[in-house]
């Protein structure tokens, strides 16, 4: 079936029009990704390309690329990563991009990828290592006293000033009883 573009009068197939819609949707989702992910996301998605047949390389179709990109966006927007029975680990967009970089530089043996599980595994390892480093630094700070000094300095530099509203008089017993009666009357 041939269609005519209403803007430029180009004649093309229905498949070409559908591909154009998917490409535009892909670009929109890609632009919504956090900036550190832009560097390696396309290279990562290339790991999902179908295997070549008879030495002819095949590309990733736009609908599949769009689906995969939406999954990557959902995965990276959560702010945490979960792997296996381990606890959730906080992770930012930069660590996700490092995980993608590592996968691109050393791809798994069995390509094409089908799911994002290997990416989650690599990202979890990075996030787990970062949490371990933060915890070790905090423990060291508690042992040598530098953490307490840092907290005291932060407290001294705070700009909180007491105001009259901070010291407003407490509610009288009569006011409390009136509120209690009002609320108990609603339940009936």
N, C-alpha and C. Protein backbone atom coordinates (compact mmCIF):
# COMPACT_ATOMS: atom_id res chain seq x y z
N UNK A 1 0.84 -1.17 0.00
CA UNK A 1 0.00 0.00 0.00
C UNK A 1 0.89 1.24 0.00
N UNK A 2 0.65 2.14 -0.89
CA UNK A 2 1.43 3.37 -1.01
C UNK A 2 0.67 4.53 -0.36
N UNK A 3 1.41 5.37 0.35
CA UNK A 3 0.83 6.55 0.98
C UNK A 3 1.56 7.78 0.48
N UNK A 4 0.88 8.92 0.57
CA UNK A 4 1.48 10.19 0.15
C UNK A 4 1.59 11.07 1.39
N UNK A 5 2.78 11.60 1.60
CA UNK A 5 3.02 12.50 2.73
C UNK A 5 2.26 13.81 2.49
N UNK A 6 1.53 14.25 3.51
CA UNK A 6 0.74 15.49 3.36
C UNK A 6 1.61 16.73 3.38
N UNK A 7 2.83 16.64 3.89
CA UNK A 7 3.70 17.81 3.98
C UNK A 7 4.58 17.98 2.74
N UNK A 8 5.17 16.88 2.27
CA UNK A 8 6.14 17.01 1.18
C UNK A 8 5.73 16.25 -0.08
N UNK A 9 4.60 15.55 -0.06
CA UNK A 9 4.07 14.80 -1.20
C UNK A 9 4.96 13.63 -1.63
N UNK A 10 5.80 13.14 -0.72
CA UNK A 10 6.62 11.97 -1.01
C UNK A 10 5.74 10.73 -0.96
N UNK A 11 5.94 9.83 -1.89
CA UNK A 11 5.18 8.59 -1.93
C UNK A 11 6.01 7.51 -1.26
N UNK A 12 5.39 6.78 -0.32
CA UNK A 12 6.11 5.73 0.38
C UNK A 12 5.15 4.67 0.87
N UNK A 13 5.71 3.57 1.34
CA UNK A 13 4.88 2.47 1.81
C UNK A 13 4.39 2.73 3.24
N UNK A 14 3.40 1.99 3.65
CA UNK A 14 2.86 2.09 5.01
C UNK A 14 3.93 1.72 6.03
N UNK A 15 4.77 0.75 5.69
CA UNK A 15 5.85 0.32 6.58
C UNK A 15 6.83 1.47 6.81
N UNK A 16 7.15 2.21 5.76
CA UNK A 16 8.06 3.34 5.89
C UNK A 16 7.48 4.42 6.79
N UNK A 17 6.19 4.65 6.67
CA UNK A 17 5.53 5.65 7.54
C UNK A 17 5.56 5.20 8.98
N UNK A 18 5.26 3.92 9.21
CA UNK A 18 5.30 3.37 10.58
C UNK A 18 6.70 3.44 11.14
N UNK A 19 7.71 3.12 10.34
CA UNK A 19 9.10 3.22 10.80
C UNK A 19 9.46 4.65 11.17
N UNK A 20 8.98 5.61 10.41
CA UNK A 20 9.26 7.01 10.70
C UNK A 20 8.64 7.42 12.04
N UNK A 21 7.43 6.95 12.32
CA UNK A 21 6.78 7.25 13.59
C UNK A 21 7.58 6.65 14.75
N UNK A 22 8.02 5.40 14.58
CA UNK A 22 8.81 4.75 15.63
C UNK A 22 10.16 5.43 15.82
N UNK A 23 10.76 5.89 14.73
CA UNK A 23 12.04 6.59 14.83
C UNK A 23 11.88 7.89 15.61
N UNK A 24 10.82 8.62 15.32
CA UNK A 24 10.58 9.88 16.04
C UNK A 24 10.30 9.62 17.51
N UNK A 25 9.54 8.58 17.81
CA UNK A 25 9.27 8.22 19.21
C UNK A 25 10.57 7.82 19.90
N UNK A 26 11.44 7.10 19.19
CA UNK A 26 12.74 6.70 19.73
C UNK A 26 13.57 7.94 20.07
N UNK A 27 13.61 8.90 19.17
CA UNK A 27 14.38 10.12 19.40
C UNK A 27 13.82 10.90 20.59
N UNK A 28 12.52 10.91 20.74
CA UNK A 28 11.90 11.62 21.87
C UNK A 28 12.30 10.97 23.19
N UNK A 29 12.19 9.64 23.27
CA UNK A 29 12.56 8.94 24.50
C UNK A 29 14.06 9.10 24.76
N UNK A 30 14.87 9.03 23.71
CA UNK A 30 16.32 9.18 23.87
C UNK A 30 16.66 10.57 24.42
N UNK A 31 15.95 11.59 23.98
CA UNK A 31 16.22 12.95 24.47
C UNK A 31 15.80 13.11 25.93
N UNK A 32 14.90 12.25 26.42
CA UNK A 32 14.47 12.31 27.81
C UNK A 32 15.42 11.59 28.76
N UNK A 33 16.36 10.82 28.22
CA UNK A 33 17.34 10.15 29.07
C UNK A 33 18.22 11.17 29.77
N UNK A 34 18.74 10.79 30.92
CA UNK A 34 19.67 11.66 31.63
C UNK A 34 20.97 11.73 30.84
N UNK A 35 21.60 12.90 30.79
CA UNK A 35 22.76 13.12 29.91
C UNK A 35 23.90 12.09 29.98
N UNK A 36 24.29 11.58 31.15
CA UNK A 36 25.41 10.62 31.11
C UNK A 36 25.09 9.36 30.31
N UNK A 37 23.82 9.04 30.16
CA UNK A 37 23.44 7.81 29.47
C UNK A 37 23.55 7.92 27.95
N UNK A 38 23.59 9.14 27.42
CA UNK A 38 23.63 9.33 25.97
C UNK A 38 24.88 8.73 25.35
N UNK A 39 25.99 8.74 26.07
CA UNK A 39 27.26 8.32 25.49
C UNK A 39 27.28 6.85 25.07
N UNK A 40 26.74 5.95 25.92
CA UNK A 40 26.88 4.52 25.64
C UNK A 40 25.56 3.81 25.38
N UNK A 41 24.45 4.51 25.49
CA UNK A 41 23.15 3.85 25.34
C UNK A 41 22.97 3.24 23.95
N UNK A 42 23.32 3.96 22.91
CA UNK A 42 23.15 3.42 21.55
C UNK A 42 24.08 2.23 21.30
N UNK A 43 25.30 2.31 21.83
CA UNK A 43 26.22 1.18 21.70
C UNK A 43 25.69 -0.03 22.47
N UNK A 44 25.10 0.24 23.64
CA UNK A 44 24.50 -0.84 24.43
C UNK A 44 23.34 -1.48 23.67
N UNK A 45 22.48 -0.66 23.08
CA UNK A 45 21.34 -1.20 22.32
C UNK A 45 21.80 -2.03 21.13
N UNK A 46 22.97 -1.74 20.60
CA UNK A 46 23.50 -2.52 19.47
C UNK A 46 23.77 -3.97 19.89
N UNK A 47 23.93 -4.23 21.18
CA UNK A 47 24.15 -5.60 21.64
C UNK A 47 22.89 -6.46 21.48
N UNK A 48 21.77 -5.83 21.16
CA UNK A 48 20.51 -6.55 20.95
C UNK A 48 20.25 -6.85 19.47
N UNK A 49 21.16 -6.41 18.59
CA UNK A 49 20.96 -6.64 17.15
C UNK A 49 20.92 -8.13 16.85
N UNK A 50 20.07 -8.54 15.91
CA UNK A 50 20.02 -9.96 15.54
C UNK A 50 21.35 -10.43 14.94
N UNK A 51 21.60 -11.72 15.06
CA UNK A 51 22.82 -12.30 14.48
C UNK A 51 22.78 -12.17 12.97
N UNK A 52 23.96 -12.00 12.35
CA UNK A 52 23.99 -11.93 10.88
C UNK A 52 23.59 -13.28 10.27
N UNK A 53 22.91 -13.20 9.14
CA UNK A 53 22.56 -14.41 8.40
C UNK A 53 23.35 -14.41 7.10
N UNK A 54 24.06 -15.48 6.85
CA UNK A 54 24.87 -15.63 5.64
C UNK A 54 25.80 -14.43 5.45
N UNK A 55 26.49 -14.05 6.54
CA UNK A 55 27.46 -12.96 6.54
C UNK A 55 26.86 -11.60 6.17
N UNK A 56 25.55 -11.46 6.31
CA UNK A 56 24.90 -10.18 6.05
C UNK A 56 24.42 -9.64 7.40
N UNK A 57 24.96 -8.50 7.76
CA UNK A 57 24.61 -7.90 9.04
C UNK A 57 23.18 -7.38 9.02
N UNK A 58 22.49 -7.55 10.12
CA UNK A 58 21.12 -7.08 10.21
C UNK A 58 21.02 -6.02 11.30
N UNK A 59 20.20 -5.05 11.05
CA UNK A 59 20.03 -3.96 12.01
C UNK A 59 18.89 -4.22 12.97
N UNK A 60 18.80 -3.36 13.94
CA UNK A 60 17.74 -3.42 14.94
C UNK A 60 16.55 -2.64 14.39
N UNK A 61 15.38 -3.26 14.38
CA UNK A 61 14.19 -2.59 13.86
C UNK A 61 13.74 -1.51 14.85
N UNK A 62 13.16 -0.45 14.31
CA UNK A 62 12.75 0.68 15.15
C UNK A 62 11.78 0.31 16.26
N UNK A 63 10.78 -0.53 16.01
CA UNK A 63 9.88 -0.87 17.12
C UNK A 63 10.60 -1.57 18.28
N UNK A 64 11.52 -2.48 17.94
CA UNK A 64 12.26 -3.17 19.00
C UNK A 64 13.22 -2.20 19.69
N UNK A 65 13.88 -1.34 18.94
CA UNK A 65 14.78 -0.35 19.53
C UNK A 65 14.01 0.57 20.47
N UNK A 66 12.82 0.98 20.08
CA UNK A 66 11.99 1.84 20.92
C UNK A 66 11.60 1.13 22.21
N UNK A 67 11.19 -0.13 22.09
CA UNK A 67 10.81 -0.91 23.28
C UNK A 67 12.00 -1.05 24.23
N UNK A 68 13.15 -1.39 23.70
CA UNK A 68 14.35 -1.55 24.53
C UNK A 68 14.75 -0.24 25.19
N UNK A 69 14.66 0.86 24.46
CA UNK A 69 15.02 2.15 25.01
C UNK A 69 14.07 2.56 26.13
N UNK A 70 12.78 2.29 25.95
CA UNK A 70 11.82 2.58 27.02
C UNK A 70 12.13 1.76 28.27
N UNK A 71 12.54 0.50 28.07
CA UNK A 71 12.91 -0.34 29.20
C UNK A 71 14.15 0.20 29.90
N UNK A 72 15.14 0.65 29.13
CA UNK A 72 16.35 1.24 29.71
C UNK A 72 16.00 2.51 30.48
N UNK A 73 15.14 3.34 29.93
CA UNK A 73 14.74 4.57 30.61
C UNK A 73 14.03 4.25 31.92
N UNK A 74 13.11 3.29 31.90
CA UNK A 74 12.41 2.90 33.12
C UNK A 74 13.39 2.35 34.16
N UNK A 75 14.36 1.58 33.70
CA UNK A 75 15.35 0.98 34.59
C UNK A 75 16.24 2.03 35.24
N UNK A 76 16.66 3.00 34.45
CA UNK A 76 17.61 4.00 34.94
C UNK A 76 16.94 5.14 35.71
N UNK A 77 15.65 5.33 35.53
CA UNK A 77 14.96 6.41 36.23
C UNK A 77 14.58 6.06 37.66
N UNK A 78 14.67 4.79 38.05
CA UNK A 78 14.23 4.39 39.38
C UNK A 78 15.13 4.92 40.48
N UNK A 79 16.43 5.07 40.22
CA UNK A 79 17.35 5.54 41.25
C UNK A 79 17.93 4.42 42.09
N UNK A 80 17.55 3.18 41.81
CA UNK A 80 18.12 2.04 42.52
C UNK A 80 18.21 0.87 41.56
N UNK A 81 18.97 -0.14 41.98
CA UNK A 81 19.09 -1.37 41.18
C UNK A 81 18.95 -2.55 42.13
N UNK A 82 18.29 -3.59 41.66
CA UNK A 82 18.09 -4.81 42.44
C UNK A 82 18.65 -5.96 41.64
N UNK A 83 19.36 -6.84 42.32
CA UNK A 83 19.88 -8.03 41.65
C UNK A 83 19.79 -9.20 42.61
N UNK A 84 19.14 -10.26 42.19
CA UNK A 84 19.04 -11.46 43.01
C UNK A 84 18.33 -11.18 44.32
N UNK A 85 18.84 -11.80 45.37
CA UNK A 85 18.22 -11.63 46.69
C UNK A 85 18.91 -10.54 47.50
N UNK A 86 19.84 -9.82 46.89
CA UNK A 86 20.54 -8.75 47.60
C UNK A 86 19.65 -7.54 47.81
N UNK A 87 20.07 -6.67 48.70
CA UNK A 87 19.27 -5.46 48.96
C UNK A 87 19.34 -4.49 47.78
N UNK A 88 18.35 -3.62 47.70
CA UNK A 88 18.37 -2.59 46.67
C UNK A 88 19.57 -1.68 46.91
N UNK A 89 20.20 -1.25 45.84
CA UNK A 89 21.35 -0.34 45.93
C UNK A 89 21.02 0.92 45.17
N UNK A 90 21.32 2.06 45.77
CA UNK A 90 21.09 3.32 45.07
C UNK A 90 22.12 3.47 43.95
N UNK A 91 21.66 4.03 42.85
CA UNK A 91 22.53 4.17 41.68
C UNK A 91 22.07 5.39 40.90
N UNK A 92 23.03 6.12 40.36
CA UNK A 92 22.69 7.31 39.58
C UNK A 92 22.96 7.04 38.10
N UNK A 93 22.62 8.01 37.28
CA UNK A 93 22.75 7.85 35.83
C UNK A 93 24.21 7.63 35.42
N UNK A 94 25.14 8.26 36.12
CA UNK A 94 26.55 8.09 35.77
C UNK A 94 26.97 6.63 35.95
N UNK A 95 26.55 5.98 37.04
CA UNK A 95 26.93 4.58 37.25
C UNK A 95 26.27 3.68 36.21
N UNK A 96 25.04 4.00 35.81
CA UNK A 96 24.40 3.23 34.74
C UNK A 96 25.22 3.35 33.46
N UNK A 97 25.71 4.56 33.16
CA UNK A 97 26.49 4.74 31.93
C UNK A 97 27.82 3.99 32.02
N UNK A 98 28.42 3.92 33.20
CA UNK A 98 29.65 3.15 33.37
C UNK A 98 29.37 1.66 33.16
N UNK A 99 28.23 1.19 33.65
CA UNK A 99 27.86 -0.21 33.45
C UNK A 99 27.68 -0.51 31.96
N UNK A 100 27.03 0.42 31.25
CA UNK A 100 26.87 0.23 29.80
C UNK A 100 28.21 0.24 29.10
N UNK A 101 29.09 1.14 29.53
CA UNK A 101 30.42 1.23 28.93
C UNK A 101 31.17 -0.10 29.10
N UNK A 102 31.10 -0.66 30.30
CA UNK A 102 31.78 -1.93 30.55
C UNK A 102 31.20 -3.05 29.68
N UNK A 103 29.89 -3.04 29.49
CA UNK A 103 29.29 -4.08 28.65
C UNK A 103 29.69 -3.92 27.19
N UNK A 104 29.79 -2.68 26.73
CA UNK A 104 30.17 -2.44 25.34
C UNK A 104 31.62 -2.82 25.12
N UNK A 105 32.48 -2.51 26.08
CA UNK A 105 33.90 -2.82 25.92
C UNK A 105 34.18 -4.31 26.03
N UNK A 106 33.43 -4.99 26.90
CA UNK A 106 33.59 -6.44 27.05
C UNK A 106 32.22 -7.10 26.98
N UNK A 107 31.69 -7.26 25.77
CA UNK A 107 30.33 -7.81 25.64
C UNK A 107 30.27 -9.27 26.05
N UNK A 108 29.11 -9.72 26.47
CA UNK A 108 28.96 -11.13 26.81
C UNK A 108 29.12 -12.01 25.58
N UNK A 109 29.38 -13.27 25.80
CA UNK A 109 29.64 -14.20 24.69
C UNK A 109 28.40 -14.47 23.86
N UNK A 110 27.28 -14.65 24.53
CA UNK A 110 26.08 -15.06 23.81
C UNK A 110 25.23 -13.85 23.41
N UNK A 111 25.57 -13.31 22.26
CA UNK A 111 24.81 -12.19 21.69
C UNK A 111 23.87 -12.75 20.65
N UNK A 112 22.77 -12.14 20.38
CA UNK A 112 22.28 -10.88 20.90
C UNK A 112 21.67 -11.05 22.30
N UNK A 113 21.70 -9.97 23.05
CA UNK A 113 21.05 -9.97 24.35
C UNK A 113 19.54 -10.03 24.16
N UNK A 114 18.87 -10.59 25.14
CA UNK A 114 17.41 -10.65 25.08
C UNK A 114 16.76 -9.73 26.10
N UNK A 115 17.42 -9.59 27.26
CA UNK A 115 16.88 -8.77 28.35
C UNK A 115 18.01 -7.92 28.90
N UNK A 116 17.67 -7.12 29.88
CA UNK A 116 18.64 -6.20 30.49
C UNK A 116 19.25 -6.78 31.77
N UNK A 117 19.14 -8.09 31.98
CA UNK A 117 19.62 -8.69 33.22
C UNK A 117 21.12 -8.53 33.40
N UNK A 118 21.89 -8.69 32.34
CA UNK A 118 23.34 -8.56 32.46
C UNK A 118 23.71 -7.12 32.82
N UNK A 119 23.02 -6.15 32.25
CA UNK A 119 23.25 -4.75 32.61
C UNK A 119 22.94 -4.53 34.07
N UNK A 120 21.83 -5.10 34.55
CA UNK A 120 21.49 -4.96 35.96
C UNK A 120 22.56 -5.58 36.85
N UNK A 121 23.11 -6.71 36.44
CA UNK A 121 24.14 -7.39 37.22
C UNK A 121 25.40 -6.52 37.31
N UNK A 122 25.83 -5.97 36.18
CA UNK A 122 27.02 -5.12 36.17
C UNK A 122 26.77 -3.85 36.99
N UNK A 123 25.60 -3.23 36.82
CA UNK A 123 25.26 -2.02 37.56
C UNK A 123 25.18 -2.30 39.05
N UNK A 124 24.64 -3.46 39.42
CA UNK A 124 24.54 -3.81 40.84
C UNK A 124 25.94 -3.96 41.45
N UNK A 125 26.86 -4.56 40.70
CA UNK A 125 28.23 -4.68 41.19
C UNK A 125 28.86 -3.31 41.44
N UNK A 126 28.62 -2.37 40.52
CA UNK A 126 29.15 -1.01 40.71
C UNK A 126 28.52 -0.32 41.91
N UNK A 127 27.20 -0.41 42.02
CA UNK A 127 26.48 0.24 43.12
C UNK A 127 26.86 -0.39 44.46
N UNK A 128 27.02 -1.70 44.48
CA UNK A 128 27.41 -2.39 45.70
C UNK A 128 28.80 -1.95 46.15
N UNK A 129 29.72 -1.83 45.19
CA UNK A 129 31.07 -1.35 45.51
C UNK A 129 31.06 0.08 46.03
N UNK A 130 30.24 0.94 45.43
CA UNK A 130 30.16 2.33 45.88
C UNK A 130 29.57 2.40 47.29
N UNK A 131 28.54 1.59 47.57
CA UNK A 131 27.97 1.56 48.92
C UNK A 131 28.99 1.06 49.94
N UNK A 132 29.75 0.05 49.55
CA UNK A 132 30.77 -0.49 50.44
C UNK A 132 31.83 0.58 50.76
N UNK A 133 32.25 1.32 49.73
CA UNK A 133 33.24 2.37 49.94
C UNK A 133 32.71 3.48 50.84
N UNK A 134 31.44 3.88 50.63
CA UNK A 134 30.83 4.92 51.48
C UNK A 134 30.74 4.45 52.93
N UNK A 135 30.34 3.19 53.12
CA UNK A 135 30.21 2.67 54.47
C UNK A 135 31.57 2.57 55.15
N UNK A 136 32.58 2.14 54.41
CA UNK A 136 33.93 2.06 54.99
C UNK A 136 34.43 3.44 55.38
N UNK A 137 34.18 4.45 54.54
CA UNK A 137 34.61 5.82 54.87
C UNK A 137 33.87 6.34 56.09
N UNK A 138 32.58 6.04 56.17
CA UNK A 138 31.80 6.48 57.34
C UNK A 138 32.31 5.80 58.61
N UNK A 139 32.55 4.49 58.55
CA UNK A 139 33.06 3.77 59.72
C UNK A 139 34.41 4.31 60.14
N UNK A 140 35.27 4.59 59.18
CA UNK A 140 36.59 5.16 59.49
C UNK A 140 36.42 6.53 60.14
N UNK A 141 35.49 7.33 59.62
CA UNK A 141 35.22 8.64 60.20
C UNK A 141 34.70 8.55 61.62
N UNK A 142 33.90 7.54 61.91
CA UNK A 142 33.40 7.34 63.27
C UNK A 142 34.55 6.93 64.20
N UNK A 143 35.46 6.11 63.69
CA UNK A 143 36.57 5.66 64.52
C UNK A 143 37.56 6.78 64.84
N UNK A 144 37.89 7.59 63.85
CA UNK A 144 38.90 8.63 64.08
C UNK A 144 38.31 9.98 64.49
N UNK A 145 36.99 10.09 64.55
CA UNK A 145 36.36 11.32 65.02
C UNK A 145 36.13 12.37 63.95
N UNK A 146 36.57 12.13 62.73
CA UNK A 146 36.40 13.15 61.70
C UNK A 146 34.93 13.31 61.29
N UNK A 147 34.13 12.26 61.44
CA UNK A 147 32.71 12.36 61.11
C UNK A 147 32.00 13.30 62.08
N UNK A 148 32.31 13.17 63.37
CA UNK A 148 31.69 14.06 64.36
C UNK A 148 32.09 15.51 64.11
N UNK A 149 33.35 15.72 63.77
CA UNK A 149 33.81 17.09 63.48
C UNK A 149 33.09 17.65 62.26
N UNK A 150 32.89 16.82 61.26
CA UNK A 150 32.19 17.26 60.05
C UNK A 150 30.74 17.62 60.37
N UNK A 151 30.09 16.78 61.19
CA UNK A 151 28.70 17.06 61.56
C UNK A 151 28.59 18.32 62.41
N UNK A 152 29.54 18.52 63.33
CA UNK A 152 29.52 19.73 64.16
C UNK A 152 29.73 20.97 63.30
N UNK A 153 30.64 20.90 62.35
CA UNK A 153 30.88 22.04 61.47
C UNK A 153 29.65 22.35 60.64
N UNK A 154 28.97 21.29 60.17
CA UNK A 154 27.76 21.48 59.38
C UNK A 154 26.67 22.13 60.24
N UNK A 155 26.57 21.71 61.49
CA UNK A 155 25.57 22.27 62.39
C UNK A 155 25.87 23.73 62.70
N UNK A 156 27.15 24.07 62.86
CA UNK A 156 27.53 25.46 63.13
C UNK A 156 27.24 26.36 61.93
N UNK A 157 27.38 25.83 60.74
CA UNK A 157 27.18 26.65 59.55
C UNK A 157 25.72 26.73 59.14
N UNK A 158 24.85 26.06 59.89
CA UNK A 158 23.44 26.12 59.52
C UNK A 158 22.90 27.52 59.75
N UNK A 159 21.95 27.91 58.96
CA UNK A 159 21.43 29.28 59.00
C UNK A 159 20.09 29.36 59.73
N UNK A 160 19.74 28.35 60.51
CA UNK A 160 18.46 28.36 61.20
C UNK A 160 18.48 29.40 62.32
N UNK A 161 17.46 30.19 62.33
CA UNK A 161 17.27 31.18 63.38
C UNK A 161 15.90 30.93 64.00
N UNK A 162 15.82 30.87 65.31
CA UNK A 162 14.51 30.63 65.93
C UNK A 162 13.57 31.80 65.68
N UNK A 163 12.31 31.47 65.48
CA UNK A 163 11.29 32.51 65.28
C UNK A 163 10.17 32.30 66.29
N UNK A 164 9.27 33.25 66.38
CA UNK A 164 8.17 33.17 67.34
C UNK A 164 7.28 31.96 67.07
N UNK A 165 7.13 31.59 65.83
CA UNK A 165 6.27 30.44 65.51
C UNK A 165 6.86 29.12 66.02
N UNK A 166 8.17 29.08 66.23
CA UNK A 166 8.79 27.87 66.77
C UNK A 166 8.40 27.65 68.22
N UNK A 167 8.04 28.71 68.90
CA UNK A 167 7.72 28.64 70.32
C UNK A 167 6.27 28.98 70.57
N UNK A 168 5.37 28.64 69.67
CA UNK A 168 3.96 28.95 69.84
C UNK A 168 3.41 28.15 71.02
N UNK A 169 2.43 28.70 71.73
CA UNK A 169 1.90 28.01 72.90
C UNK A 169 1.22 26.71 72.50
N UNK A 170 1.31 25.75 73.39
CA UNK A 170 0.70 24.45 73.12
C UNK A 170 -0.82 24.57 73.19
N UNK A 171 -1.49 23.55 72.69
CA UNK A 171 -2.94 23.53 72.70
C UNK A 171 -3.44 23.30 74.12
N UNK A 172 -4.52 23.93 74.47
CA UNK A 172 -5.10 23.74 75.80
C UNK A 172 -5.88 22.42 75.81
N UNK A 173 -6.10 21.86 77.01
CA UNK A 173 -6.88 20.61 77.10
C UNK A 173 -8.29 20.76 76.52
N UNK A 174 -8.89 21.94 76.66
CA UNK A 174 -10.23 22.17 76.12
C UNK A 174 -10.22 22.10 74.59
N UNK A 175 -9.19 22.68 73.98
CA UNK A 175 -9.07 22.64 72.53
C UNK A 175 -8.89 21.19 72.05
N UNK A 176 -8.08 20.42 72.77
CA UNK A 176 -7.88 19.01 72.41
C UNK A 176 -9.18 18.23 72.51
N UNK A 177 -9.97 18.47 73.58
CA UNK A 177 -11.25 17.78 73.74
C UNK A 177 -12.21 18.13 72.61
N UNK A 178 -12.23 19.39 72.21
CA UNK A 178 -13.13 19.83 71.13
C UNK A 178 -12.75 19.14 69.82
N UNK A 179 -11.47 19.03 69.53
CA UNK A 179 -11.02 18.35 68.31
C UNK A 179 -11.37 16.87 68.37
N UNK A 180 -11.18 16.26 69.55
CA UNK A 180 -11.49 14.84 69.71
C UNK A 180 -12.98 14.59 69.48
N UNK A 181 -13.85 15.41 70.05
CA UNK A 181 -15.30 15.26 69.86
C UNK A 181 -15.68 15.42 68.40
N UNK A 182 -15.06 16.41 67.75
CA UNK A 182 -15.36 16.66 66.34
C UNK A 182 -14.97 15.45 65.48
N UNK A 183 -13.80 14.88 65.73
CA UNK A 183 -13.32 13.74 64.96
C UNK A 183 -14.11 12.47 65.29
N UNK A 184 -14.47 12.27 66.54
CA UNK A 184 -15.24 11.08 66.92
C UNK A 184 -16.64 11.14 66.32
N UNK A 185 -17.18 12.33 66.17
CA UNK A 185 -18.50 12.48 65.58
C UNK A 185 -18.51 12.11 64.11
N UNK A 186 -17.42 12.21 63.43
CA UNK A 186 -17.34 11.88 61.98
C UNK A 186 -17.41 10.38 61.76
N UNK A 187 -16.91 9.60 62.68
CA UNK A 187 -16.85 8.14 62.49
C UNK A 187 -18.22 7.50 62.58
N UNK A 188 -19.17 8.13 63.24
CA UNK A 188 -20.51 7.53 63.44
C UNK A 188 -21.35 7.61 62.23
